[in-house]
Amino acid sequence: MNRIKGKLILITGASSGIGEACARRFAAEGADLALWARRRDRLEALAGRLRARHAINVWLDTVDVRDRAAVERAAGDLVATARVPDVLVNNAGLASGLSKLQEGDPDDWDRMIDTNLKGLLNVSRAILPRMVTERRGHVVNLGSTAGHQTYPMGNVYNATKYGVRALTEGMNLDVAGTPIRVSAVDPGFVETEFSEVRFHGDKERAAAVYQGFKPLTADDVADAIAYIVNLPEHVNILDLVIMPTAQRNVYVVDRSQ
């Protein structure tokens, strides 16, 4: 059964990777979309393809989730021109740098904390009260296996993803007494722009992360998110950990394939 068709789904970080894959998957299911990201040109190209292929409504906004005022403005504009989203996918997030804490770059720390934690808070604070008022909605937060197990030189990134996990659990408690669902999807290795961003554009170093095994694709994660969103209203997946078969935890990866 398709329970996604006709819903309005807001996706942050929608211009690439998992966010873009979610937009494509939800559009194929007949959902209307609100797509937020910093790169307007990519959003417009994506929206054009989705409108032409699926005849859906797509609203775009150039939003940096770190900018609370911009988030609040965009949320107000969306509700005024469309409606309160049925689903919020808090996808915007990144890793920046990979170094020992004592050698870390505080600018990298700020970038991760401001995006992964404060960005998620900014968007949730702007959208969730409206869901509560309407007594409907589903929030899906993109976490990581890095929020379940730390790894060398992951320190601050790990901390932000442990924080996302805590915020998901806290948010789930805070909406008790309403029909609103709160879920998290925590992927392991997914081959997107993630590692290229982490290594500040070093494509060779980024490619080495995925050598020797078959990682998840953005579409694999989008499939999992679509499954969660499509469940009956009385069913909630609080946390779903998804990894490629070659990966068993953050340390154990079979690179002999």
Protein backbone atom coordinates (compact mmCIF):
# COMPACT_ATOMS: atom_id res chain seq x y z
CA MET A 1 0.00 0.00 0.00
CA ASN A 2 1.26 3.47 -0.88
CA ARG A 3 0.76 5.77 2.12
CA ILE A 4 3.21 8.36 0.77
CA LYS A 5 1.24 9.64 -2.22
CA GLY A 6 -0.12 13.15 -1.71
CA LYS A 7 1.95 13.90 1.40
CA LEU A 8 4.16 16.98 1.60
CA ILE A 9 7.69 15.96 2.53
CA LEU A 10 10.35 18.49 3.53
CA ILE A 11 13.94 17.36 2.93
CA THR A 12 16.96 19.34 4.08
CA GLY A 13 20.28 18.96 2.32
CA ALA A 14 18.30 17.94 -0.75
CA SER A 15 20.76 19.00 -3.45
CA SER A 16 22.88 15.82 -3.41
CA GLY A 17 23.51 12.43 -1.86
CA ILE A 18 20.88 10.90 0.40
CA GLY A 19 18.72 14.03 0.31
CA GLU A 20 18.52 13.98 -3.48
CA ALA A 21 17.88 10.23 -3.47
CA CYS A 22 15.01 10.73 -1.01
CA ALA A 23 13.53 13.41 -3.25
CA ARG A 24 13.63 11.07 -6.24
CA ARG A 25 12.16 8.17 -4.28
CA PHE A 26 9.34 10.16 -2.69
CA ALA A 27 8.49 11.83 -6.00
CA ALA A 28 8.17 8.41 -7.61
CA GLU A 29 5.66 7.54 -4.87
CA GLY A 30 3.59 10.64 -5.71
CA ALA A 31 4.56 12.89 -2.80
CA ASP A 32 4.80 16.66 -3.06
CA LEU A 33 8.18 17.99 -2.00
CA ALA A 34 9.76 20.92 -0.23
CA LEU A 35 13.49 20.89 -0.92
CA TRP A 36 15.97 22.94 1.07
CA ALA A 37 19.70 23.24 0.44
CA ARG A 38 22.41 25.83 -0.03
CA ARG A 39 22.99 25.13 -3.75
CA ARG A 40 20.05 26.67 -5.58
CA ASP A 41 21.20 25.62 -9.04
CA ARG A 42 21.19 21.96 -8.09
CA LEU A 43 17.79 22.25 -6.44
CA GLU A 44 16.28 23.86 -9.53
CA ALA A 45 17.71 21.18 -11.83
CA LEU A 46 16.41 18.41 -9.56
CA ALA A 47 12.99 20.00 -9.20
CA GLY A 48 12.68 20.40 -12.97
CA ARG A 49 13.35 16.72 -13.54
CA LEU A 50 10.94 15.60 -10.81
CA ARG A 51 8.09 17.86 -11.94
CA ALA A 52 8.44 16.70 -15.54
CA ARG A 53 8.66 13.01 -14.70
CA HIS A 54 6.12 12.71 -11.89
CA ALA A 55 3.79 15.74 -12.22
CA ILE A 56 4.16 16.66 -8.56
CA ASN A 57 4.41 19.98 -6.74
CA VAL A 58 7.90 20.99 -5.65
CA TRP A 59 8.73 24.02 -3.50
CA LEU A 60 12.35 25.14 -3.28
CA ASP A 61 14.22 27.35 -0.87
CA THR A 62 17.88 28.24 -0.48
CA VAL A 63 18.48 27.47 3.18
CA ASP A 64 21.59 26.99 5.26
CA VAL A 65 20.28 25.09 8.27
CA ARG A 66 22.93 26.76 10.46
CA ASP A 67 21.13 30.09 9.95
CA ARG A 68 18.21 30.05 12.39
CA ALA A 69 16.59 33.19 10.99
CA ALA A 70 16.74 31.78 7.44
CA VAL A 71 15.21 28.51 8.62
CA GLU A 72 12.37 30.26 10.40
CA ARG A 73 11.71 32.47 7.37
CA ALA A 74 11.68 29.47 5.01
CA ALA A 75 9.36 27.50 7.29
CA GLY A 76 6.92 30.40 7.45
CA ASP A 77 7.00 30.82 3.67
CA LEU A 78 6.40 27.10 3.12
CA VAL A 79 3.41 26.94 5.43
CA ALA A 80 1.97 30.11 3.89
CA THR A 81 2.31 28.91 0.28
CA ALA A 82 1.75 25.18 0.75
CA ARG A 83 0.97 23.68 4.18
CA VAL A 84 2.62 22.16 7.20
CA PRO A 85 4.78 19.25 6.00
CA ASP A 86 3.52 15.77 6.73
CA VAL A 87 7.10 14.51 6.93
CA LEU A 88 10.36 16.24 7.83
CA VAL A 89 13.57 14.52 6.77
CA ASN A 90 16.42 16.12 8.70
CA ASN A 91 19.12 15.05 6.26
CA ALA A 92 21.52 18.01 6.18
CA GLY A 93 24.77 17.00 7.82
CA LEU A 94 28.47 16.50 7.19
CA ALA A 95 31.86 15.44 8.48
CA SER A 96 34.72 17.90 8.29
CA GLY A 97 38.25 16.69 8.89
CA LEU A 98 39.64 13.52 10.41
CA SER A 99 42.26 14.09 13.08
CA LYS A 100 43.11 13.47 16.71
CA LEU A 101 41.33 15.82 19.07
CA GLN A 102 44.57 17.47 20.14
CA GLU A 103 45.35 18.19 16.50
CA GLY A 104 41.86 19.11 15.35
CA ASP A 105 40.81 22.27 13.57
CA PRO A 106 38.22 24.21 15.60
CA ASP A 107 36.73 25.50 12.35
CA ASP A 108 35.95 21.89 11.41
CA TRP A 109 34.40 21.36 14.85
CA ASP A 110 32.16 24.40 14.48
CA ARG A 111 31.06 23.33 11.03
CA MET A 112 29.98 19.89 12.24
CA ILE A 113 28.35 21.05 15.46
CA ASP A 114 26.53 23.91 13.77
CA THR A 115 25.23 21.72 10.92
CA ASN A 116 24.66 18.31 12.46
CA LEU A 117 23.27 19.41 15.81
CA LYS A 118 22.20 23.04 15.73
CA GLY A 119 20.96 22.76 12.15
CA LEU A 120 18.76 19.81 13.06
CA LEU A 121 17.51 21.73 16.09
CA ASN A 122 16.81 24.86 14.05
CA VAL A 123 14.69 23.01 11.49
CA SER A 124 12.92 20.84 14.05
CA ARG A 125 12.08 23.88 16.19
CA ALA A 126 10.60 25.62 13.16
CA ILE A 127 8.49 22.68 11.94
CA LEU A 128 7.65 20.48 14.93
CA PRO A 129 5.40 22.97 16.79
CA ARG A 130 3.25 23.23 13.67
CA MET A 131 3.00 19.44 13.50
CA VAL A 132 2.01 19.35 17.17
CA THR A 133 -0.71 21.95 16.56
CA GLU A 134 -2.11 19.95 13.66
CA ARG A 135 -1.61 16.65 15.50
CA ARG A 136 0.04 14.94 12.55
CA GLY A 137 3.54 14.47 11.24
CA HIS A 138 6.64 12.33 11.08
CA VAL A 139 10.22 13.46 11.72
CA VAL A 140 13.05 11.34 10.32
CA ASN A 141 16.57 12.23 11.46
CA LEU A 142 19.66 11.07 9.59
CA GLY A 143 22.08 9.69 12.12
CA SER A 144 25.01 7.34 11.59
CA THR A 145 26.68 4.22 12.90
CA ALA A 146 29.10 6.86 14.23
CA GLY A 147 26.39 7.62 16.77
CA HIS A 148 26.58 4.07 18.09
CA GLN A 149 30.32 3.41 18.14
CA THR A 150 33.28 5.78 18.13
CA TYR A 151 36.30 5.33 15.90
CA PRO A 152 39.83 6.79 15.88
CA MET A 153 39.94 10.46 14.94
CA GLY A 154 36.14 10.60 14.64
CA ASN A 155 35.82 12.43 18.02
CA VAL A 156 33.70 15.51 17.23
CA TYR A 157 31.81 13.92 14.33
CA ASN A 158 31.04 10.97 16.62
CA ALA A 159 29.88 13.39 19.29
CA THR A 160 27.47 15.12 16.91
CA LYS A 161 25.97 11.83 15.76
CA TYR A 162 25.63 10.57 19.33
CA GLY A 163 23.86 13.89 19.87
CA VAL A 164 21.49 13.25 16.97
CA ARG A 165 20.67 9.89 18.50
CA ALA A 166 19.92 11.54 21.86
CA LEU A 167 17.83 14.26 20.22
CA THR A 168 15.81 11.64 18.34
CA GLU A 169 15.07 9.78 21.57
CA GLY A 170 14.30 13.03 23.39
CA MET A 171 12.05 14.32 20.62
CA ASN A 172 10.18 11.03 20.61
CA LEU A 173 9.47 11.47 24.33
CA ASP A 174 8.54 15.12 23.96
CA VAL A 175 5.73 14.38 21.48
CA ALA A 176 4.21 11.67 23.67
CA GLY A 177 0.46 12.11 23.72
CA THR A 178 0.35 13.12 20.04
CA PRO A 179 0.20 10.93 16.91
CA ILE A 180 3.52 12.35 15.68
CA ARG A 181 6.20 9.79 14.89
CA VAL A 182 9.94 10.30 15.32
CA SER A 183 12.47 8.03 13.64
CA ALA A 184 16.17 7.84 12.92
CA VAL A 185 18.05 6.11 10.14
CA ASP A 186 21.71 5.42 10.93
CA PRO A 187 23.75 4.35 7.90
CA GLY A 188 27.22 2.90 7.82
CA PHE A 189 29.40 3.36 4.74
CA VAL A 190 27.45 5.17 2.00
CA GLU A 191 29.29 6.33 -1.11
CA THR A 192 28.23 9.93 -1.68
CA GLU A 193 30.05 13.27 -1.50
CA PHE A 194 30.43 12.65 2.26
CA SER A 195 34.10 11.66 2.27
CA GLU A 196 35.02 14.27 -0.31
CA VAL A 197 33.54 16.92 1.97
CA ARG A 198 35.29 15.42 5.00
CA PHE A 199 38.65 15.56 3.23
CA HIS A 200 38.07 19.07 1.90
CA GLY A 201 37.83 18.10 -1.75
CA ASP A 202 40.58 15.45 -1.86
CA LYS A 203 38.90 13.05 -4.31
CA GLU A 204 41.64 10.43 -4.19
CA ARG A 205 41.56 10.17 -0.42
CA ALA A 206 37.77 10.09 -0.47
CA ALA A 207 37.67 7.27 -3.02
CA ALA A 208 40.03 5.17 -0.89
CA VAL A 209 37.41 5.03 1.88
CA TYR A 210 35.23 2.75 -0.26
CA GLN A 211 37.88 0.61 -1.93
CA GLY A 212 37.72 -3.18 -1.65
CA PHE A 213 34.02 -3.55 -0.82
CA LYS A 214 30.58 -2.54 -2.04
CA PRO A 215 29.23 0.33 0.11
CA LEU A 216 25.63 1.42 0.38
CA THR A 217 24.31 3.85 -2.20
CA ALA A 218 22.21 6.90 -1.44
CA ASP A 219 19.28 5.06 -3.04
CA ASP A 220 19.67 2.20 -0.55
CA VAL A 221 19.24 4.63 2.33
CA ALA A 222 16.35 6.38 0.61
CA ASP A 223 14.62 3.01 0.28
CA ALA A 224 14.94 2.47 4.03
CA ILE A 225 13.57 5.94 4.77
CA ALA A 226 10.66 5.40 2.38
CA TYR A 227 9.88 2.11 4.13
CA ILE A 228 9.73 3.86 7.51
CA VAL A 229 7.57 6.71 6.24
CA ASN A 230 5.20 4.33 4.45
CA LEU A 231 4.38 2.27 7.56
CA PRO A 232 0.88 2.51 9.08
CA GLU A 233 0.32 5.44 11.41
CA HIS A 234 0.37 3.23 14.50
CA VAL A 235 3.84 1.85 13.66
CA ASN A 236 7.02 3.79 14.44
CA ILE A 237 10.62 2.75 13.82
CA LEU A 238 12.61 4.66 16.44
CA ASP A 239 16.03 3.73 15.09
CA LEU A 240 17.10 1.77 12.04
CA VAL A 241 20.79 0.90 11.56
CA ILE A 242 21.67 0.07 7.96
CA MET A 243 25.08 -1.10 6.74
CA PRO A 244 26.50 -2.77 3.65
CA THR A 245 26.87 -6.51 4.09
CA ALA A 246 30.65 -6.13 4.01
CA GLN A 247 30.47 -3.92 7.12
CA ARG A 248 29.77 -5.41 10.55
CA ASN A 249 30.50 -2.38 12.74
CA VAL A 250 32.56 0.79 12.37
CA TYR A 251 35.77 -1.26 12.60
CA VAL A 252 35.01 -4.54 10.85
CA VAL A 253 34.77 -4.18 7.07
CA ASP A 254 35.59 -6.96 4.63
CA ARG A 255 37.69 -5.25 1.95
CA SER A 256 38.56 -8.47 0.12
CA GLN A 257 35.69 -8.33 -2.35
